[in-house]
């Protein structure tokens, strides 16, 4: 009798192990917060909202964009690092994620160890653009103009230590020019002042700048990729005038360390599926963004390589934010 009872209990345990535990729920079963480290109007906000919309459609739960601008994305990254790693807080981030640890003296998180890569969403070259009143109409003319007026021309960026800041500092170094930096709290506010003529030049994400260039409110001068962008074939690469110059920004999603593997896999799969859509590819290309996708491991490798690359750029530029 004891053996029969024991056998029955063991069988029950075996069956129970194959059935989801009581209360277990599918992911997601409530809204997801997508933290974006920059204010509305910039590339991170525009692309983050596109990703959020596609995830909302695929997951059946609202993905809410939470803009937490400031400190070049540092504030949002700290918020995400401290969040409950349950898959319901995700971080939409870009190159500043690997720049900030080298730029700030005190960072409360480890950019590599405290996050789980989910997916690289897109790759975006930056664009050099000018206010129409700037006499220089090409990179060559700009270098000549700036060299003849050291310290008299200014440029706007999305903030100290942002990709737009360091991309221009790299250009200044390689082009041998002295141009004054005017930092803003995001590319969106910078564009507003640039349209008003408060600043004359920028190297920033092509995503928001492309709208202004196509409308004739800014003059596109060049792109920062190794070759011309398909969306703007008439714009040369800066490298055509300054050999070796190259800056490519990426945008992707990270989760706090410890996030459930199932949640990471689900978000990765749905965004990979979304970026295979010709409609989305066309939408991204119109904003000079190239859909990437791939595995979390591939995104992790991109992050590791750029972490090392931008450490050197920050050091060589002398940039530092306390």
Protein backbone atom coordinates (compact mmCIF):
# COMPACT_ATOMS: atom_id res chain seq x y z
CA UNK A 1 0.00 0.00 0.00
CA UNK A 2 2.79 2.43 0.93
CA UNK A 3 4.52 1.70 -2.35
CA UNK A 4 1.32 2.39 -4.30
CA UNK A 5 0.80 5.67 -2.46
CA UNK A 6 4.42 6.68 -3.04
CA UNK A 7 4.13 5.79 -6.73
CA UNK A 8 0.96 7.85 -7.04
CA UNK A 9 2.62 10.87 -5.39
CA UNK A 10 5.66 10.64 -7.63
CA UNK A 11 3.46 10.45 -10.71
CA UNK A 12 1.51 13.47 -9.55
CA UNK A 13 4.73 15.42 -9.04
CA UNK A 14 5.92 14.48 -12.52
CA UNK A 15 2.68 15.63 -14.12
CA UNK A 16 2.67 18.85 -12.08
CA UNK A 17 6.14 19.67 -13.34
CA UNK A 18 4.76 19.73 -16.88
CA UNK A 19 1.91 22.10 -16.03
CA UNK A 20 2.50 25.85 -15.52
CA UNK A 21 2.45 26.82 -11.89
CA UNK A 22 -0.74 28.36 -10.55
CA UNK A 23 -0.71 32.08 -11.20
CA UNK A 24 1.95 31.84 -13.89
CA UNK A 25 1.23 34.37 -16.63
CA UNK A 26 2.36 35.00 -20.15
CA UNK A 27 4.70 37.86 -21.01
CA UNK A 28 3.64 40.55 -21.25
CA UNK A 29 0.43 40.80 -19.25
CA UNK A 30 0.61 44.54 -18.52
CA UNK A 31 2.11 47.69 -20.09
CA UNK A 32 5.87 47.94 -20.64
CA UNK A 33 7.86 51.10 -19.98
CA UNK A 34 10.46 52.01 -22.60
CA UNK A 35 12.81 54.55 -21.03
CA UNK A 36 14.34 56.98 -23.56
CA UNK A 37 17.23 59.12 -22.35
CA UNK A 38 16.56 62.17 -24.50
CA UNK A 39 13.73 64.70 -24.81
CA UNK A 40 11.08 64.65 -27.56
CA UNK A 41 12.15 65.66 -31.05
CA UNK A 42 15.54 63.97 -31.22
CA UNK A 43 16.54 60.75 -32.96
CA UNK A 44 16.26 58.59 -29.83
CA UNK A 45 12.72 59.79 -29.22
CA UNK A 46 11.62 59.39 -32.86
CA UNK A 47 13.12 55.92 -33.26
CA UNK A 48 12.11 54.84 -29.76
CA UNK A 49 8.48 55.68 -30.53
CA UNK A 50 8.63 53.70 -33.77
CA UNK A 51 9.99 50.69 -31.86
CA UNK A 52 7.36 51.14 -29.12
CA UNK A 53 4.56 51.27 -31.66
CA UNK A 54 5.71 48.08 -33.37
CA UNK A 55 6.09 46.26 -30.06
CA UNK A 56 2.65 47.41 -28.91
CA UNK A 57 1.12 45.99 -32.08
CA UNK A 58 3.01 42.69 -31.75
CA UNK A 59 2.77 42.09 -28.01
CA UNK A 60 -0.82 43.15 -27.48
CA UNK A 61 0.16 45.36 -24.54
CA UNK A 62 0.94 49.06 -24.55
CA UNK A 63 4.64 49.96 -24.69
CA UNK A 64 4.83 53.42 -23.14
CA UNK A 65 7.71 55.76 -23.99
CA UNK A 66 9.09 57.46 -20.88
CA UNK A 67 11.36 60.36 -21.85
CA UNK A 68 13.98 60.98 -19.14
CA UNK A 69 16.30 63.48 -20.76
CA UNK A 70 19.41 64.95 -19.21
CA UNK A 71 23.13 64.29 -18.82
CA UNK A 72 23.45 62.76 -22.29
CA UNK A 73 21.25 59.80 -21.42
CA UNK A 74 22.92 59.15 -18.07
CA UNK A 75 19.77 59.82 -16.02
CA UNK A 76 17.62 57.40 -18.01
CA UNK A 77 20.32 54.73 -17.89
CA UNK A 78 20.57 55.00 -14.11
CA UNK A 79 16.78 54.70 -13.83
CA UNK A 80 16.79 51.57 -15.99
CA UNK A 81 19.72 50.04 -14.11
CA UNK A 82 17.81 50.38 -10.80
CA UNK A 83 14.50 49.11 -12.22
CA UNK A 84 12.97 45.79 -11.29
CA UNK A 85 14.48 43.29 -13.78
CA UNK A 86 11.11 41.75 -14.61
CA UNK A 87 11.02 42.62 -18.31
CA UNK A 88 8.58 45.50 -17.85
CA UNK A 89 11.20 48.25 -17.90
CA UNK A 90 13.40 48.47 -20.99
CA UNK A 91 15.95 51.07 -22.07
CA UNK A 92 16.08 52.49 -25.59
CA UNK A 93 19.64 53.71 -25.94
CA UNK A 94 22.41 54.63 -28.34
CA UNK A 95 26.13 55.45 -28.46
CA UNK A 96 26.04 57.66 -25.31
CA UNK A 97 25.57 54.41 -23.40
CA UNK A 98 29.21 53.53 -24.10
CA UNK A 99 30.46 57.13 -24.04
CA UNK A 100 29.17 58.25 -20.64
CA UNK A 101 31.25 55.87 -18.50
CA UNK A 102 34.39 57.51 -19.93
CA UNK A 103 32.99 61.02 -19.83
CA UNK A 104 31.61 61.27 -16.28
CA UNK A 105 33.78 60.87 -13.20
CA UNK A 106 31.02 59.13 -11.28
CA UNK A 107 28.66 56.67 -12.94
CA UNK A 108 26.49 54.49 -10.72
CA UNK A 109 26.21 51.58 -13.14
CA UNK A 110 28.39 49.35 -15.31
CA UNK A 111 27.42 49.85 -18.95
CA UNK A 112 28.37 46.28 -19.80
CA UNK A 113 27.62 44.20 -16.70
CA UNK A 114 24.43 45.86 -15.48
CA UNK A 115 22.43 45.40 -18.69
CA UNK A 116 21.26 42.61 -20.93
CA UNK A 117 21.38 43.45 -24.67
CA UNK A 118 18.02 42.74 -26.30
CA UNK A 119 18.35 43.95 -29.90
CA UNK A 120 20.09 46.52 -32.06
CA UNK A 121 17.19 48.26 -33.75
CA UNK A 122 18.90 50.50 -36.31
CA UNK A 123 22.19 52.04 -37.39
CA UNK A 124 22.22 55.73 -38.29
CA UNK A 125 24.99 57.90 -39.71
CA UNK A 126 25.14 61.43 -38.39
CA UNK A 127 24.70 64.40 -40.68
CA UNK A 128 26.58 67.67 -40.88
CA UNK A 129 24.06 70.44 -41.44
CA UNK A 130 24.25 74.22 -41.45
CA UNK A 131 21.96 77.19 -41.14
CA UNK A 132 21.36 78.58 -44.66
CA UNK A 133 23.11 81.82 -43.69
CA UNK A 134 26.46 80.07 -43.27
CA UNK A 135 28.51 80.98 -46.36
CA UNK A 136 30.35 77.64 -46.54
CA UNK A 137 28.46 75.15 -48.70
CA UNK A 138 30.78 72.13 -48.54
CA UNK A 139 33.07 70.45 -46.05
CA UNK A 140 36.10 71.86 -47.85
CA UNK A 141 34.68 75.39 -47.78
CA UNK A 142 33.73 74.95 -44.12
CA UNK A 143 37.28 74.02 -43.15
CA UNK A 144 38.63 77.01 -45.05
CA UNK A 145 36.01 79.33 -43.52
CA UNK A 146 36.64 78.10 -39.97
CA UNK A 147 40.43 78.25 -40.29
CA UNK A 148 40.16 81.88 -41.37
CA UNK A 149 37.96 82.66 -38.34
CA UNK A 150 39.24 80.59 -35.39
CA UNK A 151 36.81 80.61 -32.48
CA UNK A 152 34.21 82.72 -34.31
CA UNK A 153 31.95 79.96 -35.68
CA UNK A 154 29.78 77.99 -33.26
CA UNK A 155 28.09 74.60 -33.43
CA UNK A 156 25.27 73.04 -31.46
CA UNK A 157 25.11 69.56 -30.00
CA UNK A 158 22.67 67.41 -28.05
CA UNK A 159 24.75 67.98 -24.92
CA UNK A 160 28.26 67.67 -23.56
CA UNK A 161 29.54 64.19 -24.26
CA UNK A 162 26.74 63.34 -26.66
CA UNK A 163 27.51 61.65 -29.96
CA UNK A 164 26.91 64.97 -31.74
CA UNK A 165 29.43 66.67 -29.46
CA UNK A 166 32.16 64.08 -29.86
CA UNK A 167 31.53 63.66 -33.58
CA UNK A 168 32.23 67.37 -34.06
CA UNK A 169 35.23 67.27 -31.73
CA UNK A 170 36.62 64.46 -33.85
CA UNK A 171 36.00 66.57 -36.96
CA UNK A 172 37.70 69.59 -35.37
CA UNK A 173 40.72 67.50 -34.50
CA UNK A 174 41.03 65.80 -37.87
CA UNK A 175 40.13 68.95 -39.84
CA UNK A 176 42.35 71.29 -37.85
CA UNK A 177 39.64 73.85 -37.07
CA UNK A 178 38.57 75.79 -33.97
CA UNK A 179 34.75 75.90 -33.66
CA UNK A 180 32.98 76.82 -30.41
CA UNK A 181 30.73 74.22 -28.77
CA UNK A 182 27.20 75.20 -27.64
CA UNK A 183 25.64 72.25 -25.76
CA UNK A 184 21.87 71.73 -25.46
CA UNK A 185 19.70 69.37 -23.46
CA UNK A 186 18.94 67.23 -26.47
CA UNK A 187 19.01 67.55 -30.24
CA UNK A 188 15.39 68.74 -30.37
CA UNK A 189 16.04 72.02 -28.49
CA UNK A 190 19.25 72.48 -30.46
CA UNK A 191 17.37 72.25 -33.76
CA UNK A 192 14.90 74.89 -32.56
CA UNK A 193 17.72 77.35 -31.89
CA UNK A 194 19.51 76.43 -35.10
CA UNK A 195 16.42 77.20 -37.14
CA UNK A 196 16.34 80.60 -35.42
CA UNK A 197 19.99 81.18 -36.34
CA UNK A 198 21.35 81.01 -32.78
CA UNK A 199 23.84 78.34 -33.85
CA UNK A 200 25.10 77.86 -37.40
CA UNK A 201 26.37 74.30 -37.59
CA UNK A 202 25.89 70.80 -36.19
CA UNK A 203 26.81 67.18 -36.65
CA UNK A 204 23.83 65.32 -35.26
CA UNK A 205 21.65 62.33 -36.00
CA UNK A 206 20.34 62.39 -39.53
CA UNK A 207 16.92 61.26 -38.27
CA UNK A 208 15.62 64.69 -37.13
CA UNK A 209 17.94 66.72 -39.37
CA UNK A 210 16.73 65.01 -42.55
CA UNK A 211 13.26 66.50 -42.06
CA UNK A 212 14.69 70.03 -41.85
CA UNK A 213 17.05 69.50 -44.79
CA UNK A 214 14.32 68.18 -47.07
CA UNK A 215 12.14 71.14 -46.11
CA UNK A 216 14.95 73.56 -47.05
CA UNK A 217 15.20 74.97 -43.54
CA UNK A 218 18.75 73.65 -43.15
CA UNK A 219 21.52 72.89 -45.59
CA UNK A 220 22.75 69.32 -45.56
CA UNK A 221 26.51 69.27 -46.07
CA UNK A 222 27.73 65.71 -45.49
CA UNK A 223 27.17 62.41 -43.69
CA UNK A 224 29.51 60.72 -41.24
CA UNK A 225 29.41 57.16 -42.54
CA UNK A 226 32.24 55.67 -44.58
CA UNK A 227 30.20 56.25 -47.75
CA UNK A 228 27.22 58.26 -48.94
CA UNK A 229 23.80 57.43 -47.50
CA UNK A 230 21.18 55.97 -49.84
CA UNK A 231 18.60 58.44 -48.53
CA UNK A 232 20.85 61.41 -49.45
CA UNK A 233 23.01 60.29 -52.39
CA UNK A 234 23.95 63.88 -53.24
CA UNK A 235 25.54 64.46 -49.83
CA UNK A 236 29.19 63.42 -49.69
CA UNK A 237 30.72 61.56 -46.79
CA UNK A 238 32.96 63.74 -44.63
CA UNK A 239 35.63 61.12 -45.30
CA UNK A 240 35.76 62.27 -48.93
CA UNK A 241 37.37 65.48 -47.63
CA UNK A 242 38.79 64.29 -44.30
CA UNK A 243 40.11 60.77 -44.96
CA UNK A 244 39.45 58.27 -42.17
CA UNK A 245 36.63 60.21 -40.57
CA UNK A 246 33.72 57.91 -39.61
CA UNK A 247 30.96 57.97 -36.98
CA UNK A 248 27.99 55.61 -37.01
CA UNK A 249 25.35 55.77 -34.29
CA UNK A 250 23.29 52.77 -33.26
CA UNK A 251 20.01 52.57 -31.40
CA UNK A 252 18.83 49.53 -29.53
CA UNK A 253 17.09 48.09 -26.51
CA UNK A 254 18.65 46.92 -23.27
CA UNK A 255 17.06 45.36 -20.20
CA UNK A 256 18.28 45.55 -16.59
CA UNK A 257 20.59 42.71 -15.55
CA UNK A 258 18.59 39.71 -14.46
CA UNK A 259 15.69 40.26 -16.85
CA UNK A 260 13.87 37.01 -17.72
CA UNK A 261 15.33 35.26 -20.74
CA UNK A 262 11.82 34.67 -22.05
CA UNK A 263 11.05 38.40 -22.03
CA UNK A 264 14.32 39.23 -23.80
CA UNK A 265 13.69 36.54 -26.42
CA UNK A 266 10.10 37.72 -27.02
CA UNK A 267 11.02 41.38 -27.54
CA UNK A 268 13.94 40.38 -29.76
CA UNK A 269 11.78 38.10 -31.90
CA UNK A 270 8.98 40.63 -32.35
CA UNK A 271 11.27 43.49 -33.36
CA UNK A 272 13.23 41.24 -35.72
CA UNK A 273 9.92 40.32 -37.32
CA UNK A 274 8.85 43.97 -37.51
CA UNK A 275 12.00 45.21 -39.25
CA UNK A 276 11.53 42.69 -42.02
CA UNK A 277 8.45 44.66 -43.05
CA UNK A 278 9.05 46.64 -46.28
CA UNK A 279 6.83 49.38 -44.88
CA UNK A 280 8.99 49.83 -41.78
CA UNK A 281 12.23 49.60 -43.76
CA UNK A 282 10.95 52.37 -46.05
CA UNK A 283 9.95 54.49 -43.03
CA UNK A 284 13.38 54.07 -41.45
CA UNK A 285 15.27 54.69 -44.69
CA UNK A 286 13.38 57.96 -45.15
CA UNK A 287 14.94 59.00 -41.85
CA UNK A 288 18.40 57.81 -42.96
CA UNK A 289 18.18 54.87 -40.56
CA UNK A 290 19.10 51.32 -41.55
CA UNK A 291 17.22 48.45 -39.92
CA UNK A 292 19.65 46.01 -38.26
CA UNK A 293 18.08 43.46 -35.91
CA UNK A 294 19.93 40.26 -35.06
CA UNK A 295 20.58 38.40 -31.83
CA UNK A 296 21.25 39.77 -28.35
CA UNK A 297 24.76 38.33 -28.62
CA UNK A 298 25.46 40.28 -31.81
CA UNK A 299 24.28 43.49 -30.16
CA UNK A 300 26.50 42.73 -27.15
CA UNK A 301 29.53 42.55 -29.45
CA UNK A 302 28.69 45.94 -31.00
CA UNK A 303 28.47 47.44 -27.51
CA UNK A 304 31.80 45.95 -26.42
CA UNK A 305 33.65 47.21 -29.50
CA UNK A 306 32.21 50.73 -29.29
CA UNK A 307 32.92 50.90 -25.57
CA UNK A 308 36.62 50.58 -26.38
CA UNK A 309 36.47 52.88 -29.43
CA UNK A 310 34.78 55.80 -27.66
CA UNK A 311 37.03 55.49 -24.61
CA UNK A 312 39.88 56.57 -26.86
CA UNK A 313 37.89 59.35 -28.56
CA UNK A 314 36.84 60.82 -25.20
CA UNK A 315 40.40 60.65 -23.88
CA UNK A 316 41.88 62.25 -27.00
CA UNK A 317 39.25 65.03 -27.04
CA UNK A 318 39.85 65.90 -23.39
CA UNK A 319 36.08 65.99 -22.86
CA UNK A 320 34.98 65.58 -19.24
CA UNK A 321 31.72 66.17 -17.42
CA UNK A 322 31.83 66.31 -13.62
